[in-house]
PDB file of N, CA and C in Angstrom:
ATOM      1  N   MET A   1       8.024  -5.019  18.845  1.00  0.00           N
ATOM      2  CA  MET A   1       6.737  -5.433  19.325  1.00  0.00           C
ATOM      3  C   MET A   1       6.006  -6.332  18.346  1.00  0.00           C
ATOM      4  N   LEU A   2       6.231  -6.113  17.069  1.00  0.00           N
ATOM      5  CA  LEU A   2       5.534  -6.892  16.045  1.00  0.00           C
ATOM      6  C   LEU A   2       6.415  -7.949  15.394  1.00  0.00           C
ATOM      7  N   ALA A   3       7.650  -7.996  15.767  1.00  0.00           N
ATOM      8  CA  ALA A   3       8.610  -8.852  15.065  1.00  0.00           C
ATOM      9  C   ALA A   3       8.139 -10.293  14.934  1.00  0.00           C
ATOM     10  N   GLY A   4       7.572 -10.853  15.971  1.00  0.00           N
ATOM     11  CA  GLY A   4       7.144 -12.247  15.902  1.00  0.00           C
ATOM     12  C   GLY A   4       5.878 -12.455  15.110  1.00  0.00           C
ATOM     13  N   ASP A   5       4.983 -11.461  15.100  1.00  0.00           N
ATOM     14  CA  ASP A   5       3.682 -11.608  14.452  1.00  0.00           C
ATOM     15  C   ASP A   5       3.609 -11.012  13.053  1.00  0.00           C
ATOM     16  N   ALA A   6       4.502 -10.112  12.719  1.00  0.00           N
ATOM     17  CA  ALA A   6       4.433  -9.407  11.442  1.00  0.00           C
ATOM     18  C   ALA A   6       4.477 -10.324  10.220  1.00  0.00           C
ATOM     19  N   PRO A   7       5.347 -11.339  10.168  1.00  0.00           N
ATOM     20  CA  PRO A   7       5.385 -12.180   8.963  1.00  0.00           C
ATOM     21  C   PRO A   7       4.051 -12.861   8.650  1.00  0.00           C
ATOM     22  N   LEU A   8       3.375 -13.383   9.656  1.00  0.00           N
ATOM     23  CA  LEU A   8       2.088 -14.028   9.431  1.00  0.00           C
ATOM     24  C   LEU A   8       1.035 -13.000   9.008  1.00  0.00           C
ATOM     25  N   LEU A   9       1.044 -11.833   9.621  1.00  0.00           N
ATOM     26  CA  LEU A   9       0.110 -10.776   9.245  1.00  0.00           C
ATOM     27  C   LEU A   9       0.346 -10.341   7.804  1.00  0.00           C
ATOM     28  N   LEU A  10       1.607 -10.160   7.416  1.00  0.00           N
ATOM     29  CA  LEU A  10       1.915  -9.776   6.036  1.00  0.00           C
ATOM     30  C   LEU A  10       1.434 -10.830   5.051  1.00  0.00           C
ATOM     31  N   GLU A  11       1.657 -12.083   5.369  1.00  0.00           N
ATOM     32  CA  GLU A  11       1.222 -13.166   4.486  1.00  0.00           C
ATOM     33  C   GLU A  11      -0.297 -13.130   4.301  1.00  0.00           C
ATOM     34  N   ARG A  12      -1.016 -12.975   5.388  1.00  0.00           N
ATOM     35  CA  ARG A  12      -2.480 -12.925   5.307  1.00  0.00           C
ATOM     36  C   ARG A  12      -2.964 -11.716   4.525  1.00  0.00           C
ATOM     37  N   LEU A  13      -2.386 -10.553   4.796  1.00  0.00           N
ATOM     38  CA  LEU A  13      -2.798  -9.348   4.077  1.00  0.00           C
ATOM     39  C   LEU A  13      -2.544  -9.482   2.582  1.00  0.00           C
ATOM     40  N   ASN A  14      -1.375  -9.978   2.216  1.00  0.00           N
ATOM     41  CA  ASN A  14      -1.036 -10.108   0.801  1.00  0.00           C
ATOM     42  C   ASN A  14      -1.910 -11.134   0.086  1.00  0.00           C
ATOM     43  N   GLU A  15      -2.306 -12.191   0.780  1.00  0.00           N
ATOM     44  CA  GLU A  15      -3.165 -13.206   0.170  1.00  0.00           C
ATOM     45  C   GLU A  15      -4.625 -12.778   0.136  1.00  0.00           C
ATOM     46  N   GLN A  16      -5.124 -12.268   1.256  1.00  0.00           N
ATOM     47  CA  GLN A  16      -6.553 -12.011   1.380  1.00  0.00           C
ATOM     48  C   GLN A  16      -6.973 -10.611   0.950  1.00  0.00           C
ATOM     49  N   ARG A  17      -6.052  -9.680   0.888  1.00  0.00           N
ATOM     50  CA  ARG A  17      -6.394  -8.284   0.582  1.00  0.00           C
ATOM     51  C   ARG A  17      -5.674  -7.750  -0.651  1.00  0.00           C
ATOM     52  N   SER A  18      -5.322  -8.621  -1.591  1.00  0.00           N
ATOM     53  CA  SER A  18      -4.556  -8.181  -2.761  1.00  0.00           C
ATOM     54  C   SER A  18      -5.308  -7.114  -3.563  1.00  0.00           C
ATOM     55  N   GLY A  19      -6.609  -7.277  -3.720  1.00  0.00           N
ATOM     56  CA  GLY A  19      -7.400  -6.268  -4.434  1.00  0.00           C
ATOM     57  C   GLY A  19      -7.434  -4.943  -3.704  1.00  0.00           C
ATOM     58  N   ASP A  20      -7.511  -4.998  -2.382  1.00  0.00           N
ATOM     59  CA  ASP A  20      -7.500  -3.775  -1.577  1.00  0.00           C
ATOM     60  C   ASP A  20      -6.151  -3.067  -1.656  1.00  0.00           C
ATOM     61  N   LEU A  21      -5.075  -3.831  -1.783  1.00  0.00           N
ATOM     62  CA  LEU A  21      -3.744  -3.222  -1.916  1.00  0.00           C
ATOM     63  C   LEU A  21      -3.605  -2.508  -3.258  1.00  0.00           C
ATOM     64  N   VAL A  22      -4.221  -3.048  -4.293  1.00  0.00           N
ATOM     65  CA  VAL A  22      -4.245  -2.363  -5.596  1.00  0.00           C
ATOM     66  C   VAL A  22      -5.046  -1.070  -5.467  1.00  0.00           C
ATOM     67  N   THR A  23      -6.171  -1.122  -4.779  1.00  0.00           N
ATOM     68  CA  THR A  23      -6.973   0.085  -4.546  1.00  0.00           C
ATOM     69  C   THR A  23      -6.166   1.130  -3.784  1.00  0.00           C
ATOM     70  N   LEU A  24      -5.384   0.687  -2.808  1.00  0.00           N
ATOM     71  CA  LEU A  24      -4.511   1.591  -2.059  1.00  0.00           C
ATOM     72  C   LEU A  24      -3.527   2.282  -2.992  1.00  0.00           C
ATOM     73  N   ALA A  25      -2.913   1.513  -3.879  1.00  0.00           N
ATOM     74  CA  ALA A  25      -1.951   2.088  -4.834  1.00  0.00           C
ATOM     75  C   ALA A  25      -2.627   3.073  -5.780  1.00  0.00           C
ATOM     76  N   MET A  26      -3.836   2.774  -6.184  1.00  0.00           N
ATOM     77  CA  MET A  26      -4.564   3.677  -7.076  1.00  0.00           C
ATOM     78  C   MET A  26      -4.940   4.974  -6.353  1.00  0.00           C
ATOM     79  N   ALA A  27      -5.435   4.850  -5.126  1.00  0.00           N
ATOM     80  CA  ALA A  27      -5.960   6.005  -4.402  1.00  0.00           C
ATOM     81  C   ALA A  27      -4.871   6.968  -3.930  1.00  0.00           C
ATOM     82  N   PHE A  28      -3.806   6.446  -3.353  1.00  0.00           N
ATOM     83  CA  PHE A  28      -2.835   7.317  -2.702  1.00  0.00           C
ATOM     84  C   PHE A  28      -1.488   7.410  -3.407  1.00  0.00           C
ATOM     85  N   MET A  29      -1.233   6.544  -4.381  1.00  0.00           N
ATOM     86  CA  MET A  29       0.007   6.629  -5.138  1.00  0.00           C
ATOM     87  C   MET A  29      -0.242   7.169  -6.543  1.00  0.00           C
ATOM     88  N   GLY A  30      -1.508   7.355  -6.891  1.00  0.00           N
ATOM     89  CA  GLY A  30      -1.871   7.933  -8.183  1.00  0.00           C
ATOM     90  C   GLY A  30      -1.628   7.019  -9.367  1.00  0.00           C
ATOM     91  N   LEU A  31      -1.676   5.719  -9.162  1.00  0.00           N
ATOM     92  CA  LEU A  31      -1.430   4.777 -10.247  1.00  0.00           C
ATOM     93  C   LEU A  31      -2.743   4.303 -10.854  1.00  0.00           C
ATOM     94  N   ASP A  32      -2.706   3.964 -12.126  1.00  0.00           N
ATOM     95  CA  ASP A  32      -3.880   3.455 -12.830  1.00  0.00           C
ATOM     96  C   ASP A  32      -4.035   1.972 -12.530  1.00  0.00           C
ATOM     97  N   GLY A  33      -5.207   1.580 -12.097  1.00  0.00           N
ATOM     98  CA  GLY A  33      -5.452   0.195 -11.708  1.00  0.00           C
ATOM     99  C   GLY A  33      -5.257  -0.808 -12.829  1.00  0.00           C
ATOM    100  N   HIS A  34      -5.516  -0.403 -14.068  1.00  0.00           N
ATOM    101  CA  HIS A  34      -5.351  -1.325 -15.189  1.00  0.00           C
ATOM    102  C   HIS A  34      -3.887  -1.636 -15.457  1.00  0.00           C
ATOM    103  N   ASP A  35      -3.007  -0.740 -15.026  1.00  0.00           N
ATOM    104  CA  ASP A  35      -1.581  -0.911 -15.274  1.00  0.00           C
ATOM    105  C   ASP A  35      -0.839  -1.581 -14.117  1.00  0.00           C
ATOM    106  N   ILE A  36      -1.521  -1.799 -12.994  1.00  0.00           N
ATOM    107  CA  ILE A  36      -0.887  -2.419 -11.837  1.00  0.00           C
ATOM    108  C   ILE A  36      -0.890  -3.933 -11.999  1.00  0.00           C
ATOM    109  N   LYS A  37       0.280  -4.513 -11.942  1.00  0.00           N
ATOM    110  CA  LYS A  37       0.428  -5.967 -12.061  1.00  0.00           C
ATOM    111  C   LYS A  37       0.357  -6.649 -10.700  1.00  0.00           C
ATOM    112  N   ALA A  38       0.898  -5.995  -9.665  1.00  0.00           N
ATOM    113  CA  ALA A  38       0.883  -6.561  -8.317  1.00  0.00           C
ATOM    114  C   ALA A  38       1.150  -5.458  -7.304  1.00  0.00           C
ATOM    115  N   ALA A  39       0.559  -5.624  -6.120  1.00  0.00           N
ATOM    116  CA  ALA A  39       0.823  -4.732  -4.993  1.00  0.00           C
ATOM    117  C   ALA A  39       0.926  -5.612  -3.753  1.00  0.00           C
ATOM    118  N   THR A  40       2.077  -5.542  -3.072  1.00  0.00           N
ATOM    119  CA  THR A  40       2.285  -6.372  -1.891  1.00  0.00           C
ATOM    120  C   THR A  40       2.933  -5.553  -0.781  1.00  0.00           C
ATOM    121  N   ILE A  41       2.559  -5.891   0.441  1.00  0.00           N
ATOM    122  CA  ILE A  41       3.195  -5.278   1.600  1.00  0.00           C
ATOM    123  C   ILE A  41       4.472  -6.069   1.872  1.00  0.00           C
ATOM    124  N   THR A  42       5.599  -5.371   1.912  1.00  0.00           N
ATOM    125  CA  THR A  42       6.875  -6.049   2.129  1.00  0.00           C
ATOM    126  C   THR A  42       7.332  -6.007   3.573  1.00  0.00           C
ATOM    127  N   SER A  43       6.895  -4.984   4.317  1.00  0.00           N
ATOM    128  CA  SER A  43       7.238  -4.919   5.737  1.00  0.00           C
ATOM    129  C   SER A  43       6.227  -4.044   6.458  1.00  0.00           C
ATOM    130  N   LEU A  44       6.201  -4.228   7.768  1.00  0.00           N
ATOM    131  CA  LEU A  44       5.261  -3.514   8.613  1.00  0.00           C
ATOM    132  C   LEU A  44       5.935  -3.302   9.960  1.00  0.00           C
ATOM    133  N   ASP A  45       5.858  -2.083  10.459  1.00  0.00           N
ATOM    134  CA  ASP A  45       6.406  -1.800  11.784  1.00  0.00           C
ATOM    135  C   ASP A  45       5.458  -0.871  12.519  1.00  0.00           C
ATOM    136  N   ARG A  46       5.881  -0.359  13.650  1.00  0.00           N
ATOM    137  CA  ARG A  46       4.988   0.426  14.494  1.00  0.00           C
ATOM    138  C   ARG A  46       4.607   1.781  13.894  1.00  0.00           C
ATOM    139  N   LEU A  47       5.318   2.223  12.861  1.00  0.00           N
ATOM    140  CA  LEU A  47       5.052   3.529  12.266  1.00  0.00           C
ATOM    141  C   LEU A  47       4.339   3.464  10.921  1.00  0.00           C
ATOM    142  N   GLY A  48       4.361   2.304  10.261  1.00  0.00           N
ATOM    143  CA  GLY A  48       3.709   2.212   8.962  1.00  0.00           C
ATOM    144  C   GLY A  48       4.057   0.934   8.241  1.00  0.00           C
ATOM    145  N   LEU A  49       3.769   0.931   6.944  1.00  0.00           N
ATOM    146  CA  LEU A  49       4.037  -0.249   6.124  1.00  0.00           C
ATOM    147  C   LEU A  49       4.737   0.157   4.839  1.00  0.00           C
ATOM    148  N   ASP A  50       5.423  -0.812   4.241  1.00  0.00           N
ATOM    149  CA  ASP A  50       6.078  -0.614   2.950  1.00  0.00           C
ATOM    150  C   ASP A  50       5.296  -1.397   1.912  1.00  0.00           C
ATOM    151  N   LEU A  51       4.939  -0.720   0.810  1.00  0.00           N
ATOM    152  CA  LEU A  51       4.152  -1.328  -0.248  1.00  0.00           C
ATOM    153  C   LEU A  51       4.978  -1.360  -1.528  1.00  0.00           C
ATOM    154  N   ARG A  52       5.122  -2.542  -2.110  1.00  0.00           N
ATOM    155  CA  ARG A  52       5.822  -2.708  -3.381  1.00  0.00           C
ATOM    156  C   ARG A  52       4.770  -2.846  -4.480  1.00  0.00           C
ATOM    157  N   VAL A  53       4.856  -1.964  -5.483  1.00  0.00           N
ATOM    158  CA  VAL A  53       3.884  -1.959  -6.570  1.00  0.00           C
ATOM    159  C   VAL A  53       4.610  -2.198  -7.891  1.00  0.00           C
ATOM    160  N   THR A  54       4.206  -3.249  -8.573  1.00  0.00           N
ATOM    161  CA  THR A  54       4.718  -3.544  -9.908  1.00  0.00           C
ATOM    162  C   THR A  54       3.671  -3.074 -10.906  1.00  0.00           C
ATOM    163  N   HIS A  55       4.083  -2.192 -11.823  1.00  0.00           N
ATOM    164  CA  HIS A  55       3.112  -1.584 -12.737  1.00  0.00           C
ATOM    165  C   HIS A  55       3.779  -1.185 -14.050  1.00  0.00           C
ATOM    166  N   VAL A  56       2.942  -0.861 -15.021  1.00  0.00           N
ATOM    167  CA  VAL A  56       3.414  -0.340 -16.296  1.00  0.00           C
ATOM    168  C   VAL A  56       3.168   1.169 -16.269  1.00  0.00           C
ATOM    169  N   PRO A  57       4.212   1.984 -16.380  1.00  0.00           N
ATOM    170  CA  PRO A  57       4.034   3.434 -16.360  1.00  0.00           C
ATOM    171  C   PRO A  57       3.177   3.904 -17.529  1.00  0.00           C
ATOM    172  N   PRO A  58       2.436   5.007 -17.351  1.00  0.00           N
ATOM    173  CA  PRO A  58       1.577   5.517 -18.424  1.00  0.00           C
ATOM    174  C   PRO A  58       2.353   5.768 -19.710  1.00  0.00           C
ATOM    175  N   GLY A  59       1.763   5.368 -20.821  1.00  0.00           N
ATOM    176  CA  GLY A  59       2.366   5.607 -22.123  1.00  0.00           C
ATOM    177  C   GLY A  59       3.461   4.642 -22.519  1.00  0.00           C
ATOM    178  N   GLU A  60       3.715   3.619 -21.710  1.00  0.00           N
ATOM    179  CA  GLU A  60       4.767   2.662 -22.032  1.00  0.00           C
ATOM    180  C   GLU A  60       4.158   1.306 -22.362  1.00  0.00           C
ATOM    181  N   ALA A  61       4.931   0.476 -23.034  1.00  0.00           N
ATOM    182  CA  ALA A  61       4.461  -0.849 -23.433  1.00  0.00           C
ATOM    183  C   ALA A  61       4.409  -1.779 -22.236  1.00  0.00           C
ATOM    184  N   ASP A  62       3.619  -2.853 -22.352  1.00  0.00           N
ATOM    185  CA  ASP A  62       3.491  -3.820 -21.255  1.00  0.00           C
ATOM    186  C   ASP A  62       4.828  -4.448 -20.875  1.00  0.00           C
ATOM    187  N   ALA A  63       5.786  -4.445 -21.787  1.00  0.00           N
ATOM    188  CA  ALA A  63       7.097  -5.025 -21.489  1.00  0.00           C
ATOM    189  C   ALA A  63       7.923  -4.135 -20.559  1.00  0.00           C
ATOM    190  N   ASP A  64       7.534  -2.875 -20.433  1.00  0.00           N
ATOM    191  CA  ASP A  64       8.278  -1.913 -19.603  1.00  0.00           C
ATOM    192  C   ASP A  64       7.709  -1.857 -18.192  1.00  0.00           C
ATOM    193  N   VAL A  65       7.779  -2.962 -17.496  1.00  0.00           N
ATOM    194  CA  VAL A  65       7.242  -3.041 -16.141  1.00  0.00           C
ATOM    195  C   VAL A  65       8.222  -2.399 -15.170  1.00  0.00           C
ATOM    196  N   ARG A  66       7.691  -1.627 -14.235  1.00  0.00           N
ATOM    197  CA  ARG A  66       8.500  -0.950 -13.225  1.00  0.00           C
ATOM    198  C   ARG A  66       8.023  -1.379 -11.838  1.00  0.00           C
ATOM    199  N   THR A  67       8.939  -1.432 -10.901  1.00  0.00           N
ATOM    200  CA  THR A  67       8.600  -1.724  -9.515  1.00  0.00           C
ATOM    201  C   THR A  67       8.988  -0.526  -8.658  1.00  0.00           C
ATOM    202  N   ASP A  68       8.004   0.000  -7.931  1.00  0.00           N
ATOM    203  CA  ASP A  68       8.229   1.129  -7.038  1.00  0.00           C
ATOM    204  C   ASP A  68       7.912   0.711  -5.613  1.00  0.00           C
ATOM    205  N   GLU A  69       8.613   1.325  -4.672  1.00  0.00           N
ATOM    206  CA  GLU A  69       8.393   1.060  -3.247  1.00  0.00           C
ATOM    207  C   GLU A  69       7.873   2.335  -2.592  1.00  0.00           C
ATOM    208  N   PHE A  70       6.836   2.181  -1.795  1.00  0.00           N
ATOM    209  CA  PHE A  70       6.218   3.305  -1.102  1.00  0.00           C
ATOM    210  C   PHE A  70       6.162   3.023   0.394  1.00  0.00           C
ATOM    211  N   ARG A  71       6.316   4.072   1.173  1.00  0.00           N
ATOM    212  CA  ARG A  71       6.139   3.993   2.624  1.00  0.00           C
ATOM    213  C   ARG A  71       4.801   4.659   2.936  1.00  0.00           C
ATOM    214  N   VAL A  72       3.927   3.937   3.616  1.00  0.00           N
ATOM    215  CA  VAL A  72       2.615   4.447   3.999  1.00  0.00           C
ATOM    216  C   VAL A  72       2.614   4.565   5.518  1.00  0.00           C
ATOM    217  N   GLY A  73       2.484   5.785   6.008  1.00  0.00           N
ATOM    218  CA  GLY A  73       2.548   6.012   7.446  1.00  0.00           C
ATOM    219  C   GLY A  73       1.214   5.787   8.135  1.00  0.00           C
ATOM    220  N   PHE A  74       1.287   5.266   9.351  1.00  0.00           N
ATOM    221  CA  PHE A  74       0.098   5.125  10.178  1.00  0.00           C
ATOM    222  C   PHE A  74      -0.193   6.468  10.842  1.00  0.00           C
ATOM    223  N   ARG A  75      -1.441   6.690  11.173  1.00  0.00           N
ATOM    224  CA  ARG A  75      -1.828   7.933  11.847  1.00  0.00           C
ATOM    225  C   ARG A  75      -1.411   7.934  13.311  1.00  0.00           C
ATOM    226  N   THR A  76      -1.326   6.751  13.902  1.00  0.00           N
ATOM    227  CA  THR A  76      -0.905   6.638  15.295  1.00  0.00           C
ATOM    228  C   THR A  76       0.180   5.576  15.395  1.00  0.00           C
ATOM    229  N   THR A  77       0.991   5.671  16.427  1.00  0.00           N
ATOM    230  CA  THR A  77       2.002   4.654  16.680  1.00  0.00           C
ATOM    231  C   THR A  77       1.313   3.422  17.248  1.00  0.00           C
ATOM    232  N   ILE A  78       1.609   2.264  16.682  1.00  0.00           N
ATOM    233  CA  ILE A  78       0.961   1.045  17.155  1.00  0.00           C
ATOM    234  C   ILE A  78       1.835   0.352  18.197  1.00  0.00           C
ATOM    235  N   ILE A  79       1.168  -0.350  19.108  1.00  0.00           N
ATOM    236  CA  ILE A  79       1.909  -1.033  20.163  1.00  0.00           C
ATOM    237  C   ILE A  79       1.566  -2.514  20.246  1.00  0.00           C
ATOM    238  N   SER A  80       0.659  -2.979  19.363  1.00  0.00           N
ATOM    239  CA  SER A  80       0.276  -4.387  19.407  1.00  0.00           C
ATOM    240  C   SER A  80      -0.142  -4.862  18.023  1.00  0.00           C
ATOM    241  N   LEU A  81      -0.285  -6.155  17.888  1.00  0.00           N
ATOM    242  CA  LEU A  81      -0.741  -6.736  16.633  1.00  0.00           C
ATOM    243  C   LEU A  81      -2.147  -6.251  16.290  1.00  0.00           C
ATOM    244  N   GLU A  82      -3.000  -6.144  17.267  1.00  0.00           N
ATOM    245  CA  GLU A  82      -4.369  -5.667  17.033  1.00  0.00           C
ATOM    246  C   GLU A  82      -4.369  -4.223  16.545  1.00  0.00           C
ATOM    247  N   ASP A  83      -3.495  -3.391  17.100  1.00  0.00           N
ATOM    248  CA  ASP A  83      -3.358  -2.012  16.621  1.00  0.00           C
ATOM    249  C   ASP A  83      -2.922  -1.998  15.158  1.00  0.00           C
ATOM    250  N   ALA A  84      -1.990  -2.860  14.803  1.00  0.00           N
ATOM    251  CA  ALA A  84      -1.498  -2.926  13.422  1.00  0.00           C
ATOM    252  C   ALA A  84      -2.623  -3.316  12.473  1.00  0.00           C
ATOM    253  N   LYS A  85      -3.383  -4.335  12.838  1.00  0.00           N
ATOM    254  CA  LYS A  85      -4.514  -4.752  11.998  1.00  0.00           C
ATOM    255  C   LYS A  85      -5.498  -3.603  11.821  1.00  0.00           C
ATOM    256  N   SER A  86      -5.793  -2.920  12.907  1.00  0.00           N
ATOM    257  CA  SER A  86      -6.736  -1.814  12.866  1.00  0.00           C
ATOM    258  C   SER A  86      -6.258  -0.693  11.947  1.00  0.00           C
ATOM    259  N   GLU A  87      -4.998  -0.310  12.052  1.00  0.00           N
ATOM    260  CA  GLU A  87      -4.462   0.767  11.221  1.00  0.00           C
ATOM    261  C   GLU A  87      -4.452   0.386   9.737  1.00  0.00           C
ATOM    262  N   VAL A  88      -4.108  -0.854   9.428  1.00  0.00           N
ATOM    263  CA  VAL A  88      -4.108  -1.298   8.035  1.00  0.00           C
ATOM    264  C   VAL A  88      -5.528  -1.255   7.479  1.00  0.00           C
ATOM    265  N   VAL A  89      -6.489  -1.733   8.241  1.00  0.00           N
ATOM    266  CA  VAL A  89      -7.885  -1.716   7.788  1.00  0.00           C
ATOM    267  C   VAL A  89      -8.356  -0.277   7.575  1.00  0.00           C
ATOM    268  N   LYS A  90      -7.975   0.642   8.452  1.00  0.00           N
ATOM    269  CA  LYS A  90      -8.347   2.050   8.293  1.00  0.00           C
ATOM    270  C   LYS A  90      -7.789   2.620   6.992  1.00  0.00           C
ATOM    271  N   ILE A  91      -6.536   2.320   6.699  1.00  0.00           N
ATOM    272  CA  ILE A  91      -5.917   2.829   5.465  1.00  0.00           C
ATOM    273  C   ILE A  91      -6.611   2.247   4.244  1.00  0.00           C
ATOM    274  N   LEU A  92      -6.904   0.958   4.278  1.00  0.00           N
ATOM    275  CA  LEU A  92      -7.593   0.331   3.143  1.00  0.00           C
ATOM    276  C   LEU A  92      -8.999   0.893   2.988  1.00  0.00           C
ATOM    277  N   GLN A  93      -9.676   1.191   4.090  1.00  0.00           N
ATOM    278  CA  GLN A  93     -11.005   1.790   4.033  1.00  0.00           C
ATOM    279  C   GLN A  93     -10.943   3.190   3.433  1.00  0.00           C
ATOM    280  N   GLU A  94      -9.965   3.981   3.833  1.00  0.00           N
ATOM    281  CA  GLU A  94      -9.802   5.323   3.274  1.00  0.00           C
ATOM    282  C   GLU A  94      -9.550   5.267   1.770  1.00  0.00           C
ATOM    283  N   ALA A  95      -8.750   4.299   1.331  1.00  0.00           N
ATOM    284  CA  ALA A  95      -8.472   4.144  -0.100  1.00  0.00           C
ATOM    285  C   ALA A  95      -9.760   3.806  -0.854  1.00  0.00           C
ATOM    286  N   TRP A  96     -10.546   2.894  -0.308  1.00  0.00           N
ATOM    287  CA  TRP A  96     -11.809   2.526  -0.938  1.00  0.00           C
ATOM    288  C   TRP A  96     -12.737   3.731  -1.013  1.00  0.00           C
ATOM    289  N   GLU A  97     -12.838   4.483   0.086  1.00  0.00           N
ATOM    290  CA  GLU A  97     -13.707   5.657   0.107  1.00  0.00           C
ATOM    291  C   GLU A  97     -13.294   6.669  -0.954  1.00  0.00           C
ATOM    292  N   GLN A  98     -12.006   6.894  -1.088  1.00  0.00           N
ATOM    293  CA  GLN A  98     -11.533   7.844  -2.092  1.00  0.00           C
ATOM    294  C   GLN A  98     -11.869   7.358  -3.494  1.00  0.00           C
ATOM    295  N   GLN A  99     -11.683   6.081  -3.766  1.00  0.00           N
ATOM    296  CA  GLN A  99     -12.004   5.525  -5.084  1.00  0.00           C
ATOM    297  C   GLN A  99     -13.502   5.610  -5.379  1.00  0.00           C
ATOM    298  N   GLU A 100     -14.325   5.596  -4.339  1.00  0.00           N
ATOM    299  CA  GLU A 100     -15.777   5.690  -4.506  1.00  0.00           C
ATOM    300  C   GLU A 100     -16.270   7.135  -4.554  1.00  0.00           C
ATOM    301  N   GLY A 101     -15.358   8.095  -4.449  1.00  0.00           N
ATOM    302  CA  GLY A 101     -15.716   9.502  -4.573  1.00  0.00           C
ATOM    303  C   GLY A 101     -16.008  10.232  -3.277  1.00  0.00           C
ATOM    304  N   PHE A 102     -15.810   9.580  -2.147  1.00  0.00           N
ATOM    305  CA  PHE A 102     -15.998  10.252  -0.866  1.00  0.00           C
ATOM    306  C   PHE A 102     -14.763  11.086  -0.564  1.00  0.00           C
ATOM    307  N   THR A 103     -14.967  12.262  -0.025  1.00  0.00           N
ATOM    308  CA  THR A 103     -13.832  13.123   0.325  1.00  0.00           C
ATOM    309  C   THR A 103     -13.984  13.579   1.777  1.00  0.00           C
ATOM    310  N   TRP A 104     -12.884  13.975   2.356  1.00  0.00           N
ATOM    311  CA  TRP A 104     -12.847  14.485   3.715  1.00  0.00           C
ATOM    312  C   TRP A 104     -11.673  15.431   3.826  1.00  0.00           C
ATOM    313  N   ASP A 105     -11.626  16.186   4.910  1.00  0.00           N
ATOM    314  CA  ASP A 105     -10.596  17.220   5.071  1.00  0.00           C
ATOM    315  C   ASP A 105      -9.191  16.656   5.118  1.00  0.00           C
ATOM    316  N   ASP A 106      -8.977  15.630   5.901  1.00  0.00           N
ATOM    317  CA  ASP A 106      -7.651  15.029   6.055  1.00  0.00           C
ATOM    318  C   ASP A 106      -7.562  13.845   5.106  1.00  0.00           C
ATOM    319  N   GLN A 107      -7.172  14.088   3.876  1.00  0.00           N
ATOM    320  CA  GLN A 107      -7.247  13.110   2.791  1.00  0.00           C
ATOM    321  C   GLN A 107      -6.126  12.077   2.833  1.00  0.00           C
ATOM    322  N   GLY A 108      -6.351  10.970   3.475  1.00  0.00           N
ATOM    323  CA  GLY A 108      -5.454   9.827   3.407  1.00  0.00           C
ATOM    324  C   GLY A 108      -4.206   9.900   4.251  1.00  0.00           C
ATOM    325  N   PRO A 109      -3.456   8.797   4.248  1.00  0.00           N
ATOM    326  CA  PRO A 109      -2.222   8.708   5.031  1.00  0.00           C
ATOM    327  C   PRO A 109      -1.062   9.421   4.330  1.00  0.00           C
ATOM    328  N   ILE A 110       0.009   9.606   5.061  1.00  0.00           N
ATOM    329  CA  ILE A 110       1.228  10.149   4.461  1.00  0.00           C
ATOM    330  C   ILE A 110       1.882   9.036   3.659  1.00  0.00           C
ATOM    331  N   VAL A 111       2.208   9.325   2.390  1.00  0.00           N
ATOM    332  CA  VAL A 111       2.818   8.337   1.500  1.00  0.00           C
ATOM    333  C   VAL A 111       4.099   8.930   0.935  1.00  0.00           C
ATOM    334  N   LEU A 112       5.164   8.138   0.969  1.00  0.00           N
ATOM    335  CA  LEU A 112       6.459   8.560   0.457  1.00  0.00           C
ATOM    336  C   LEU A 112       6.984   7.490  -0.494  1.00  0.00           C
ATOM    337  N   LYS A 113       7.298   7.887  -1.721  1.00  0.00           N
ATOM    338  CA  LYS A 113       7.931   6.963  -2.657  1.00  0.00           C
ATOM    339  C   LYS A 113       9.425   7.005  -2.363  1.00  0.00           C
ATOM    340  N   TYR A 114      10.002   5.842  -2.017  1.00  0.00           N
ATOM    341  CA  TYR A 114      11.407   5.858  -1.635  1.00  0.00           C
ATOM    342  C   TYR A 114      12.302   5.001  -2.510  1.00  0.00           C
ATOM    343  N   ALA A 115      11.734   4.247  -3.448  1.00  0.00           N
ATOM    344  CA  ALA A 115      12.582   3.466  -4.347  1.00  0.00           C
ATOM    345  C   ALA A 115      11.840   3.232  -5.656  1.00  0.00           C
ATOM    346  N   SER A 116      12.616   3.170  -6.731  1.00  0.00           N
ATOM    347  CA  SER A 116      12.041   2.921  -8.038  1.00  0.00           C
ATOM    348  C   SER A 116      13.021   2.110  -8.861  1.00  0.00           C
ATOM    349  N   ASP A 117      12.479   1.159  -9.588  1.00  0.00           N
ATOM    350  CA  ASP A 117      13.283   0.314 -10.471  1.00  0.00           C
ATOM    351  C   ASP A 117      13.495   1.059 -11.771  1.00  0.00           C
ATOM    352  N   ASN A 118      14.677   1.642 -11.927  1.00  0.00           N
ATOM    353  CA  ASN A 118      14.972   2.409 -13.132  1.00  0.00           C
ATOM    354  C   ASN A 118      15.942   1.684 -14.060  1.00  0.00           C
ATOM    355  N   LEU A 119      16.247   0.444 -13.765  1.00  0.00           N
ATOM    356  CA  LEU A 119      17.161  -0.318 -14.595  1.00  0.00           C
ATOM    357  C   LEU A 119      16.410  -0.897 -15.785  1.00  0.00           C
ATOM    358  N   ARG A 120      16.805  -0.490 -16.961  1.00  0.00           N
ATOM    359  CA  ARG A 120      16.145  -0.976 -18.179  1.00  0.00           C
ATOM    360  C   ARG A 120      17.178  -1.270 -19.220  1.00  0.00           C
TER     361      ARG A 120
END
């Protein structure tokens, strides 16, 4: 359903929302914002998005950059481009709220770390 529109949406999100993607990584992946070098959405489908985060792990030198991949699930299954935009904005809003100290019962989306760059 999103195959034709997803590449343009990803490009726009990565260009226009780069700061929000860092906030997402800080809020739900537990990463320190000062150590994050880049956060980009690599793919998006009807169930969620994949976020690639390049960062320096705590206690390591700046030369020890690591890249981790996370899957961020949507709360609902999307069926259109507008649904996808809406779900991404909701996730980014939740991340901002958490960083600002707001809390709620259902704290954030489901996040799964599925890949890590361990080659050094």
